[in-house]
Amino acid sequence: QIPAFNDIFTFLAQYPWLGLLVGAVITAMLQSSSAVIGILQGIFAAAALAGSPIPLFGLVPILFGSNIGTTTTALLACICGSKESKRVAIFHMFFNTFGSLLFMGIIYIPPLRAWLINPDNFVGFDPKILLALVHLVFNSVVACIFLPLLTPICKLLEIIAPGTTRTTPSVIIEELDSRIMKEFPAEGLSLAK
């Protein structure tokens, strides 16, 4: 409801690449893209109710940036992890960064950009659902692009994060003697472990 606050998003509509950066940084700090998207939904809905709608072109780049920022969680988690965890984190980063850059290009298509800039186009739409749909389309399209490329991407990940897959040693399981459990419960518990 504060005009200066809404002016920030109008400003970001003029500089969408800055919005992408803002979304990535805020998400990296919060460690939750869901939280950032929820905040965007709240801001978008509140502005619409207050009668000063925010152009979607100012919010969508932040949403795309949140997809990049959320990869920091996986990257931090894999630092001391296995080769598999590093490969998954790298794939997650590549998937979200590629998708965000792709969609940043798509929103510059002139008819789409004109539609996203005009807040009057969204009158009658639930702002929260509208942002959720943008996010759904983002993830669905990028998944459809990546699906046929999984085999070459896996080979590339093996080059980026080399190493063999860990195999767990085979464990020989012997049948427990029920008499031990009755007579020496502590020993029986130890054997069961």
Protein backbone atom coordinates (compact mmCIF):
# COMPACT_ATOMS: atom_id res chain seq x y z
CA GLN A 1 0.00 0.00 0.00
CA ILE A 2 3.06 2.26 0.21
CA PRO A 3 3.58 3.88 -3.20
CA ALA A 4 7.38 4.00 -2.81
CA PHE A 5 7.43 0.23 -2.31
CA ASN A 6 5.42 -0.36 -5.47
CA ASP A 7 7.76 2.01 -7.29
CA ILE A 8 10.57 -0.48 -6.64
CA PHE A 9 8.78 -3.11 -8.72
CA THR A 10 7.90 -0.57 -11.40
CA PHE A 11 11.62 0.29 -11.50
CA LEU A 12 12.51 -3.40 -11.74
CA ALA A 13 10.09 -3.67 -14.67
CA GLN A 14 12.39 -1.22 -16.49
CA TYR A 15 15.49 -3.27 -15.53
CA PRO A 16 14.41 -6.93 -15.52
CA TRP A 17 17.99 -8.27 -15.40
CA LEU A 18 18.41 -6.42 -12.11
CA GLY A 19 15.20 -8.16 -10.96
CA LEU A 20 16.76 -11.51 -11.88
CA LEU A 21 19.79 -10.65 -9.73
CA VAL A 22 17.61 -9.43 -6.85
CA GLY A 23 15.60 -12.67 -6.92
CA ALA A 24 18.76 -14.81 -6.94
CA VAL A 25 20.40 -12.91 -4.07
CA ILE A 26 17.30 -12.77 -1.85
CA THR A 27 16.63 -16.48 -2.38
CA ALA A 28 20.26 -17.37 -1.65
CA MET A 29 20.01 -15.44 1.61
CA LEU A 30 16.64 -16.93 2.61
CA GLN A 31 17.56 -20.41 1.29
CA SER A 32 13.99 -20.84 0.09
CA SER A 33 12.57 -20.09 -3.34
CA SER A 34 9.11 -20.98 -2.00
CA ALA A 35 9.37 -18.18 0.56
CA VAL A 36 10.39 -15.65 -2.10
CA ILE A 37 7.59 -16.73 -4.42
CA GLY A 38 5.12 -16.52 -1.53
CA ILE A 39 6.34 -12.99 -0.76
CA LEU A 40 5.96 -12.03 -4.44
CA GLN A 41 2.43 -13.46 -4.47
CA GLY A 42 1.55 -11.44 -1.38
CA ILE A 43 3.00 -8.23 -2.80
CA PHE A 44 1.30 -8.75 -6.17
CA ALA A 45 -2.08 -9.48 -4.54
CA ALA A 46 -1.84 -6.60 -2.03
CA ALA A 47 -0.94 -4.10 -4.77
CA ALA A 48 -3.87 -5.28 -6.90
CA LEU A 49 -6.29 -4.91 -3.95
CA ALA A 50 -4.93 -1.45 -3.13
CA GLY A 51 -5.67 -0.32 -6.69
CA SER A 52 -2.02 0.20 -7.67
CA PRO A 53 -1.24 -3.01 -9.57
CA ILE A 54 2.38 -3.91 -10.22
CA PRO A 55 3.38 -4.88 -13.76
CA LEU A 56 4.03 -8.60 -13.98
CA PHE A 57 7.13 -7.72 -15.99
CA GLY A 58 8.62 -6.38 -12.73
CA LEU A 59 7.88 -9.57 -10.78
CA VAL A 60 8.56 -12.41 -13.22
CA PRO A 61 12.35 -11.79 -13.40
CA ILE A 62 12.51 -11.98 -9.59
CA LEU A 63 10.67 -15.31 -9.78
CA PHE A 64 13.20 -16.56 -12.37
CA GLY A 65 16.05 -15.30 -10.19
CA SER A 66 14.65 -17.22 -7.24
CA ASN A 67 15.13 -20.40 -9.28
CA ILE A 68 18.83 -19.57 -9.60
CA GLY A 69 19.17 -18.57 -5.95
CA THR A 70 17.62 -21.82 -4.71
CA THR A 71 20.52 -23.78 -6.19
CA THR A 72 22.85 -22.43 -3.50
CA THR A 73 21.23 -24.76 -0.96
CA ALA A 74 22.18 -27.86 -2.97
CA LEU A 75 25.63 -26.46 -3.80
CA LEU A 76 26.37 -25.81 -0.13
CA ALA A 77 25.03 -29.22 0.88
CA CYS A 78 27.23 -31.10 -1.58
CA ILE A 79 30.55 -29.54 -0.56
CA CYS A 80 31.51 -32.50 1.64
CA GLY A 81 29.18 -34.93 -0.10
CA SER A 82 29.64 -37.79 -2.49
CA LYS A 83 30.23 -37.49 -6.23
CA GLU A 84 26.54 -38.22 -6.77
CA SER A 85 25.46 -35.32 -4.55
CA LYS A 86 27.85 -33.00 -6.42
CA ARG A 87 26.45 -34.15 -9.76
CA VAL A 88 22.88 -33.59 -8.59
CA ALA A 89 23.74 -30.10 -7.29
CA ILE A 90 25.50 -29.17 -10.54
CA PHE A 91 22.55 -30.46 -12.56
CA HIS A 92 20.13 -28.50 -10.37
CA MET A 93 22.19 -25.34 -10.88
CA PHE A 94 22.46 -25.91 -14.65
CA PHE A 95 18.74 -26.72 -15.01
CA ASN A 96 17.53 -23.64 -13.12
CA THR A 97 20.10 -21.23 -14.56
CA PHE A 98 19.46 -22.38 -18.14
CA GLY A 99 15.70 -22.16 -17.63
CA SER A 100 15.89 -18.70 -16.06
CA LEU A 101 18.05 -17.31 -18.86
CA LEU A 102 15.82 -18.94 -21.48
CA PHE A 103 12.67 -17.41 -19.99
CA MET A 104 14.36 -14.03 -19.55
CA GLY A 105 14.80 -14.09 -23.33
CA ILE A 106 11.22 -15.24 -23.88
CA ILE A 107 9.70 -12.36 -21.90
CA TYR A 108 11.39 -9.93 -24.29
CA ILE A 109 9.29 -11.18 -27.23
CA PRO A 110 7.45 -7.92 -28.11
CA PRO A 111 3.78 -9.06 -27.78
CA LEU A 112 4.49 -10.95 -24.55
CA ARG A 113 6.49 -8.05 -23.12
CA ALA A 114 3.69 -5.58 -23.93
CA TRP A 115 1.18 -7.89 -22.24
CA LEU A 116 3.36 -8.34 -19.12
CA ILE A 117 4.08 -4.59 -18.76
CA ASN A 118 0.42 -3.53 -18.73
CA PRO A 119 -1.05 -4.26 -15.27
CA ASP A 120 -4.59 -3.79 -16.63
CA ASN A 121 -4.23 -7.14 -18.44
CA PHE A 122 -4.42 -8.96 -15.11
CA VAL A 123 -7.64 -7.46 -13.76
CA GLY A 124 -9.94 -10.33 -12.83
CA PHE A 125 -7.09 -12.84 -12.39
CA ASP A 126 -6.10 -14.08 -8.96
CA PRO A 127 -2.56 -12.66 -8.64
CA LYS A 128 -1.36 -15.57 -6.51
CA ILE A 129 -2.54 -18.15 -9.03
CA LEU A 130 -1.09 -16.13 -11.90
CA LEU A 131 2.42 -16.22 -10.42
CA ALA A 132 2.03 -19.90 -9.56
CA LEU A 133 1.05 -20.61 -13.18
CA VAL A 134 4.10 -18.73 -14.47
CA HIS A 135 6.27 -20.89 -12.22
CA LEU A 136 4.49 -24.06 -13.33
CA VAL A 137 4.97 -23.20 -17.02
CA PHE A 138 8.64 -22.36 -16.34
CA ASN A 139 9.38 -25.73 -14.73
CA SER A 140 7.30 -27.73 -17.21
CA VAL A 141 8.91 -26.22 -20.30
CA VAL A 142 12.45 -26.55 -18.97
CA ALA A 143 11.77 -30.16 -17.92
CA CYS A 144 10.47 -30.97 -21.42
CA ILE A 145 13.64 -29.48 -22.91
CA PHE A 146 15.93 -31.42 -20.56
CA LEU A 147 14.16 -34.78 -20.67
CA PRO A 148 15.50 -35.93 -24.07
CA LEU A 149 18.97 -34.62 -23.14
CA LEU A 150 19.39 -36.59 -19.89
CA THR A 151 21.90 -39.14 -21.25
CA PRO A 152 24.37 -36.57 -22.65
CA ILE A 153 23.92 -34.38 -19.58
CA CYS A 154 24.74 -37.34 -17.30
CA LYS A 155 27.90 -38.01 -19.30
CA LEU A 156 28.84 -34.33 -19.01
CA LEU A 157 28.26 -34.44 -15.25
CA GLU A 158 30.57 -37.45 -14.99
CA ILE A 159 33.27 -35.35 -16.65
CA ILE A 160 32.61 -32.30 -14.45
CA ALA A 161 32.50 -34.34 -11.22
CA PRO A 162 34.58 -37.45 -11.95
CA GLY A 163 34.70 -40.46 -9.71
CA THR A 164 33.14 -43.83 -9.35
CA THR A 165 29.79 -44.48 -7.82
CA ARG A 166 30.00 -45.73 -4.28
CA THR A 167 28.82 -49.23 -3.69
CA THR A 168 27.80 -50.34 -0.26
CA PRO A 169 29.67 -53.38 1.01
CA SER A 170 27.62 -56.52 1.11
CA VAL A 171 26.44 -57.41 4.60
CA ILE A 172 26.06 -60.99 5.71
CA ILE A 173 22.92 -61.33 7.78
CA GLU A 174 22.85 -64.29 10.10
CA GLU A 175 19.81 -65.59 11.91
CA LEU A 176 19.67 -64.44 15.53
CA ASP A 177 19.58 -67.06 18.26
CA SER A 178 16.45 -66.42 20.32
CA ARG A 179 18.11 -67.87 23.45
CA ILE A 180 20.68 -65.04 23.41
CA MET A 181 17.88 -62.49 23.32
CA LYS A 182 16.28 -64.07 26.42
CA GLU A 183 19.42 -64.74 28.46
CA PHE A 184 21.63 -61.81 27.44
CA PRO A 185 19.40 -58.97 26.17
CA ALA A 186 22.29 -56.48 25.87
CA GLU A 187 24.30 -58.90 23.70
CA GLY A 188 21.17 -59.74 21.70
CA LEU A 189 20.59 -56.04 21.04
CA SER A 190 24.20 -55.64 19.97
CA LEU A 191 23.88 -58.58 17.55
CA ALA A 192 20.64 -57.16 16.18
CA LYS A 193 22.37 -53.87 15.46
